[in-house]
Amino acid sequence: MQKPTVRLWPPVRELAVEPGVVPTWDGITPAGEVVARFLGLVRTTGDGDAARAVMAPAVPAHQVVAEAPATVVRTPEEYAAHVQDMLREHGRFTFVVTELLADGDRVYVRWRQRGAGPEPATEIGSAVYRVADGRIAEYWIQLDRLGLLAQLDPGALLRP
């Protein structure tokens, strides 16, 4: 039995994702192409039409957190609205992929997102996207919520 090949892209390990631009890299896989369209056209812009093109009609988002794991199922329209809410609340943000691995129908993306609002904060997150039939069908997401809270409300970590 042959072991699956896992590829790491890009070699530089940092890829800035410009809103409305589909990023690419050497050796991109078919699943990677779907995720690239998602990152450039949906995750950074909230474009509902693009969301319908790259997401399944209902996408389970598994929230991987220690204290209360949950699964939120969103339609492409709901996901686009979620991104639009982030943009309204925190302003245009920079989104940099810091690690990307692809294997078959799975694509792992770790990122650094920095807001541009009055209190810019940096979020570190990662997700594993499962692609089926040319669309994102499901994903598992982890966010450094404690780190984000420490930036937005430093005193919160000291309160009992």
C-alpha atoms as a PDB file:
ATOM      1  CA  MET A   1       0.000   0.000   0.000  1.00  0.00           C
ATOM      2  CA  GLN A   2       1.428   3.344  -1.058  1.00  0.00           C
ATOM      3  CA  LYS A   3       1.494   6.151   1.501  1.00  0.00           C
ATOM      4  CA  PRO A   4      -0.299   9.340   0.417  1.00  0.00           C
ATOM      5  CA  THR A   5       1.946  12.209  -0.570  1.00  0.00           C
ATOM      6  CA  VAL A   6       1.613  15.385   1.454  1.00  0.00           C
ATOM      7  CA  ARG A   7       2.893  18.532  -0.215  1.00  0.00           C
ATOM      8  CA  LEU A   8       3.788  21.784   1.454  1.00  0.00           C
ATOM      9  CA  TRP A   9       3.247  25.072  -0.390  1.00  0.00           C
ATOM     10  CA  PRO A  10       4.472  27.706  -0.827  1.00  0.00           C
ATOM     11  CA  PRO A  11       8.168  27.077  -0.108  1.00  0.00           C
ATOM     12  CA  VAL A  12       8.403  30.577   1.396  1.00  0.00           C
ATOM     13  CA  ARG A  13       5.595  29.581   3.788  1.00  0.00           C
ATOM     14  CA  GLU A  14       3.974  32.981   3.583  1.00  0.00           C
ATOM     15  CA  LEU A  15       1.398  33.975   1.040  1.00  0.00           C
ATOM     16  CA  ALA A  16      -0.472  37.273   1.299  1.00  0.00           C
ATOM     17  CA  VAL A  17      -4.057  36.882   0.110  1.00  0.00           C
ATOM     18  CA  GLU A  18      -5.313  40.039  -1.583  1.00  0.00           C
ATOM     19  CA  PRO A  19      -9.090  40.564  -1.459  1.00  0.00           C
ATOM     20  CA  GLY A  20     -10.644  39.649  -4.798  1.00  0.00           C
ATOM     21  CA  VAL A  21      -7.492  37.960  -6.117  1.00  0.00           C
ATOM     22  CA  VAL A  22      -7.138  34.174  -6.317  1.00  0.00           C
ATOM     23  CA  PRO A  23      -3.712  33.180  -4.989  1.00  0.00           C
ATOM     24  CA  THR A  24      -1.742  30.410  -6.635  1.00  0.00           C
ATOM     25  CA  TRP A  25       1.462  28.504  -6.009  1.00  0.00           C
ATOM     26  CA  ASP A  26       3.645  25.911  -7.697  1.00  0.00           C
ATOM     27  CA  GLY A  27       2.159  22.424  -7.579  1.00  0.00           C
ATOM     28  CA  ILE A  28      -1.346  23.550  -6.629  1.00  0.00           C
ATOM     29  CA  THR A  29      -3.746  20.591  -6.390  1.00  0.00           C
ATOM     30  CA  PRO A  30      -7.384  20.578  -7.554  1.00  0.00           C
ATOM     31  CA  ALA A  31      -8.552  20.834  -3.915  1.00  0.00           C
ATOM     32  CA  GLY A  32      -5.987  23.599  -3.379  1.00  0.00           C
ATOM     33  CA  GLU A  33      -7.457  25.530  -6.323  1.00  0.00           C
ATOM     34  CA  VAL A  34     -10.905  25.448  -4.689  1.00  0.00           C
ATOM     35  CA  VAL A  35      -9.501  26.636  -1.362  1.00  0.00           C
ATOM     36  CA  ALA A  36      -7.471  29.358  -3.120  1.00  0.00           C
ATOM     37  CA  ARG A  37     -10.660  30.678  -4.783  1.00  0.00           C
ATOM     38  CA  PHE A  38     -12.415  30.544  -1.414  1.00  0.00           C
ATOM     39  CA  LEU A  39      -9.649  32.500   0.362  1.00  0.00           C
ATOM     40  CA  GLY A  40      -9.243  35.181  -2.302  1.00  0.00           C
ATOM     41  CA  LEU A  41     -12.859  35.636  -3.345  1.00  0.00           C
ATOM     42  CA  VAL A  42     -14.908  34.775  -0.237  1.00  0.00           C
ATOM     43  CA  ARG A  43     -12.880  34.665   3.013  1.00  0.00           C
ATOM     44  CA  THR A  44     -11.386  38.124   2.424  1.00  0.00           C
ATOM     45  CA  THR A  45     -14.350  39.835   0.717  1.00  0.00           C
ATOM     46  CA  GLY A  46     -17.665  38.280   1.727  1.00  0.00           C
ATOM     47  CA  ASP A  47     -18.713  37.919  -1.926  1.00  0.00           C
ATOM     48  CA  GLY A  48     -21.963  35.921  -1.927  1.00  0.00           C
ATOM     49  CA  ASP A  49     -21.788  34.945  -5.613  1.00  0.00           C
ATOM     50  CA  ALA A  50     -18.269  33.609  -5.182  1.00  0.00           C
ATOM     51  CA  ALA A  51     -19.367  31.753  -2.030  1.00  0.00           C
ATOM     52  CA  ARG A  52     -22.114  29.976  -3.979  1.00  0.00           C
ATOM     53  CA  ALA A  53     -19.553  28.967  -6.612  1.00  0.00           C
ATOM     54  CA  VAL A  54     -16.988  27.435  -4.222  1.00  0.00           C
ATOM     55  CA  MET A  55     -19.076  26.183  -1.285  1.00  0.00           C
ATOM     56  CA  ALA A  56     -21.549  23.325  -1.024  1.00  0.00           C
ATOM     57  CA  PRO A  57     -25.180  24.338  -0.287  1.00  0.00           C
ATOM     58  CA  ALA A  58     -24.681  23.584   3.451  1.00  0.00           C
ATOM     59  CA  VAL A  59     -21.179  23.502   4.948  1.00  0.00           C
ATOM     60  CA  PRO A  60     -20.552  22.121   8.445  1.00  0.00           C
ATOM     61  CA  ALA A  61     -17.923  24.199  10.242  1.00  0.00           C
ATOM     62  CA  HIS A  62     -16.556  22.185  13.138  1.00  0.00           C
ATOM     63  CA  GLN A  63     -15.415  24.612  15.845  1.00  0.00           C
ATOM     64  CA  VAL A  64     -12.463  22.830  17.449  1.00  0.00           C
ATOM     65  CA  VAL A  65     -12.310  24.315  20.948  1.00  0.00           C
ATOM     66  CA  ALA A  66     -11.465  22.569  24.202  1.00  0.00           C
ATOM     67  CA  GLU A  67     -14.298  23.916  26.339  1.00  0.00           C
ATOM     68  CA  ALA A  68     -17.270  23.636  23.995  1.00  0.00           C
ATOM     69  CA  PRO A  69     -16.755  22.003  20.610  1.00  0.00           C
ATOM     70  CA  ALA A  70     -19.626  22.720  18.246  1.00  0.00           C
ATOM     71  CA  THR A  71     -20.590  22.432  14.624  1.00  0.00           C
ATOM     72  CA  VAL A  72     -22.181  25.376  12.851  1.00  0.00           C
ATOM     73  CA  VAL A  73     -23.759  24.671   9.471  1.00  0.00           C
ATOM     74  CA  ARG A  74     -23.808  27.649   7.121  1.00  0.00           C
ATOM     75  CA  THR A  75     -25.059  28.203   3.608  1.00  0.00           C
ATOM     76  CA  PRO A  76     -22.748  30.091   1.259  1.00  0.00           C
ATOM     77  CA  GLU A  77     -24.939  33.188   1.742  1.00  0.00           C
ATOM     78  CA  GLU A  78     -24.676  32.904   5.530  1.00  0.00           C
ATOM     79  CA  TYR A  79     -20.898  32.500   5.321  1.00  0.00           C
ATOM     80  CA  ALA A  80     -20.591  35.555   3.060  1.00  0.00           C
ATOM     81  CA  ALA A  81     -22.726  37.550   5.532  1.00  0.00           C
ATOM     82  CA  HIS A  82     -20.445  36.357   8.368  1.00  0.00           C
ATOM     83  CA  VAL A  83     -17.389  37.762   6.549  1.00  0.00           C
ATOM     84  CA  GLN A  84     -19.246  40.998   5.769  1.00  0.00           C
ATOM     85  CA  ASP A  85     -20.018  41.326   9.497  1.00  0.00           C
ATOM     86  CA  MET A  86     -16.299  40.908  10.305  1.00  0.00           C
ATOM     87  CA  LEU A  87     -15.421  43.597   7.778  1.00  0.00           C
ATOM     88  CA  ARG A  88     -18.006  46.000   9.233  1.00  0.00           C
ATOM     89  CA  GLU A  89     -16.877  45.377  12.812  1.00  0.00           C
ATOM     90  CA  HIS A  90     -13.113  45.293  12.317  1.00  0.00           C
ATOM     91  CA  GLY A  91     -12.464  46.964   8.969  1.00  0.00           C
ATOM     92  CA  ARG A  92     -10.510  45.633   6.020  1.00  0.00           C
ATOM     93  CA  PHE A  93      -7.961  43.163   7.292  1.00  0.00           C
ATOM     94  CA  THR A  94      -4.762  41.647   5.987  1.00  0.00           C
ATOM     95  CA  PHE A  95      -4.835  37.893   5.545  1.00  0.00           C
ATOM     96  CA  VAL A  96      -1.556  36.000   5.266  1.00  0.00           C
ATOM     97  CA  VAL A  97      -1.327  32.240   4.838  1.00  0.00           C
ATOM     98  CA  THR A  98       1.574  31.046   6.970  1.00  0.00           C
ATOM     99  CA  GLU A  99       1.316  27.320   6.200  1.00  0.00           C
ATOM    100  CA  LEU A 100      -0.533  25.315   3.582  1.00  0.00           C
ATOM    101  CA  LEU A 101      -0.658  21.538   3.179  1.00  0.00           C
ATOM    102  CA  ALA A 102      -2.726  19.593   0.663  1.00  0.00           C
ATOM    103  CA  ASP A 103      -3.432  15.873   0.517  1.00  0.00           C
ATOM    104  CA  GLY A 104      -6.213  14.478  -1.657  1.00  0.00           C
ATOM    105  CA  ASP A 105      -9.493  16.161  -0.754  1.00  0.00           C
ATOM    106  CA  ARG A 106      -8.077  17.946   2.334  1.00  0.00           C
ATOM    107  CA  VAL A 107      -6.301  21.295   2.471  1.00  0.00           C
ATOM    108  CA  TYR A 108      -4.832  22.647   5.716  1.00  0.00           C
ATOM    109  CA  VAL A 109      -4.380  26.415   5.963  1.00  0.00           C
ATOM    110  CA  ARG A 110      -2.865  28.326   8.891  1.00  0.00           C
ATOM    111  CA  TRP A 111      -3.176  32.105   8.741  1.00  0.00           C
ATOM    112  CA  ARG A 112      -2.499  35.410  10.427  1.00  0.00           C
ATOM    113  CA  GLN A 113      -5.244  38.003  10.085  1.00  0.00           C
ATOM    114  CA  ARG A 114      -4.753  41.590  11.212  1.00  0.00           C
ATOM    115  CA  GLY A 115      -7.617  44.026  11.482  1.00  0.00           C
ATOM    116  CA  ALA A 116      -7.393  47.631  10.423  1.00  0.00           C
ATOM    117  CA  GLY A 117     -10.021  49.082  12.734  1.00  0.00           C
ATOM    118  CA  PRO A 118      -9.522  51.535  15.606  1.00  0.00           C
ATOM    119  CA  GLU A 119      -8.089  48.723  17.753  1.00  0.00           C
ATOM    120  CA  PRO A 120      -6.283  46.484  15.258  1.00  0.00           C
ATOM    121  CA  ALA A 121      -5.754  42.994  16.581  1.00  0.00           C
ATOM    122  CA  THR A 122      -4.055  39.947  15.141  1.00  0.00           C
ATOM    123  CA  GLU A 123      -5.840  36.619  14.952  1.00  0.00           C
ATOM    124  CA  ILE A 124      -4.015  33.355  14.401  1.00  0.00           C
ATOM    125  CA  GLY A 125      -6.151  30.544  13.056  1.00  0.00           C
ATOM    126  CA  SER A 126      -6.156  27.390  11.025  1.00  0.00           C
ATOM    127  CA  ALA A 127      -8.628  25.229   9.198  1.00  0.00           C
ATOM    128  CA  VAL A 128      -8.722  21.923   7.400  1.00  0.00           C
ATOM    129  CA  TYR A 129     -11.026  22.178   4.392  1.00  0.00           C
ATOM    130  CA  ARG A 130     -12.566  19.085   2.790  1.00  0.00           C
ATOM    131  CA  VAL A 131     -13.328  19.535  -0.894  1.00  0.00           C
ATOM    132  CA  ALA A 132     -15.905  17.414  -2.735  1.00  0.00           C
ATOM    133  CA  ASP A 133     -17.227  17.876  -6.260  1.00  0.00           C
ATOM    134  CA  GLY A 134     -15.166  21.063  -6.704  1.00  0.00           C
ATOM    135  CA  ARG A 135     -16.590  22.811  -3.621  1.00  0.00           C
ATOM    136  CA  ILE A 136     -15.767  23.179   0.046  1.00  0.00           C
ATOM    137  CA  ALA A 137     -17.995  20.600   1.714  1.00  0.00           C
ATOM    138  CA  GLU A 138     -16.844  20.803   5.332  1.00  0.00           C
ATOM    139  CA  TYR A 139     -14.116  22.280   7.498  1.00  0.00           C
ATOM    140  CA  TRP A 140     -12.568  22.138  10.961  1.00  0.00           C
ATOM    141  CA  ILE A 141     -11.420  25.469  12.377  1.00  0.00           C
ATOM    142  CA  GLN A 142      -9.256  26.506  15.330  1.00  0.00           C
ATOM    143  CA  LEU A 143      -8.715  30.110  16.445  1.00  0.00           C
ATOM    144  CA  ASP A 144      -6.462  31.588  19.110  1.00  0.00           C
ATOM    145  CA  ARG A 145      -9.377  33.182  20.932  1.00  0.00           C
ATOM    146  CA  LEU A 146      -7.428  33.762  24.152  1.00  0.00           C
ATOM    147  CA  GLY A 147      -4.713  35.628  22.251  1.00  0.00           C
ATOM    148  CA  LEU A 148      -7.335  37.762  20.527  1.00  0.00           C
ATOM    149  CA  LEU A 149      -9.054  38.506  23.853  1.00  0.00           C
ATOM    150  CA  ALA A 150      -5.712  39.499  25.414  1.00  0.00           C
ATOM    151  CA  GLN A 151      -5.260  42.089  22.653  1.00  0.00           C
ATOM    152  CA  LEU A 152      -8.812  43.474  22.731  1.00  0.00           C
ATOM    153  CA  ASP A 153      -9.288  43.437  26.519  1.00  0.00           C
ATOM    154  CA  PRO A 154      -5.951  42.889  28.319  1.00  0.00           C
ATOM    155  CA  GLY A 155      -7.570  43.153  31.736  1.00  0.00           C
ATOM    156  CA  ALA A 156      -9.911  40.249  30.984  1.00  0.00           C
ATOM    157  CA  LEU A 157      -7.124  37.769  31.647  1.00  0.00           C
ATOM    158  CA  LEU A 158      -6.562  39.191  35.147  1.00  0.00           C
ATOM    159  CA  ARG A 159     -10.189  39.233  36.286  1.00  0.00           C
ATOM    160  CA  PRO A 160     -11.434  36.320  38.412  1.00  0.00           C
END
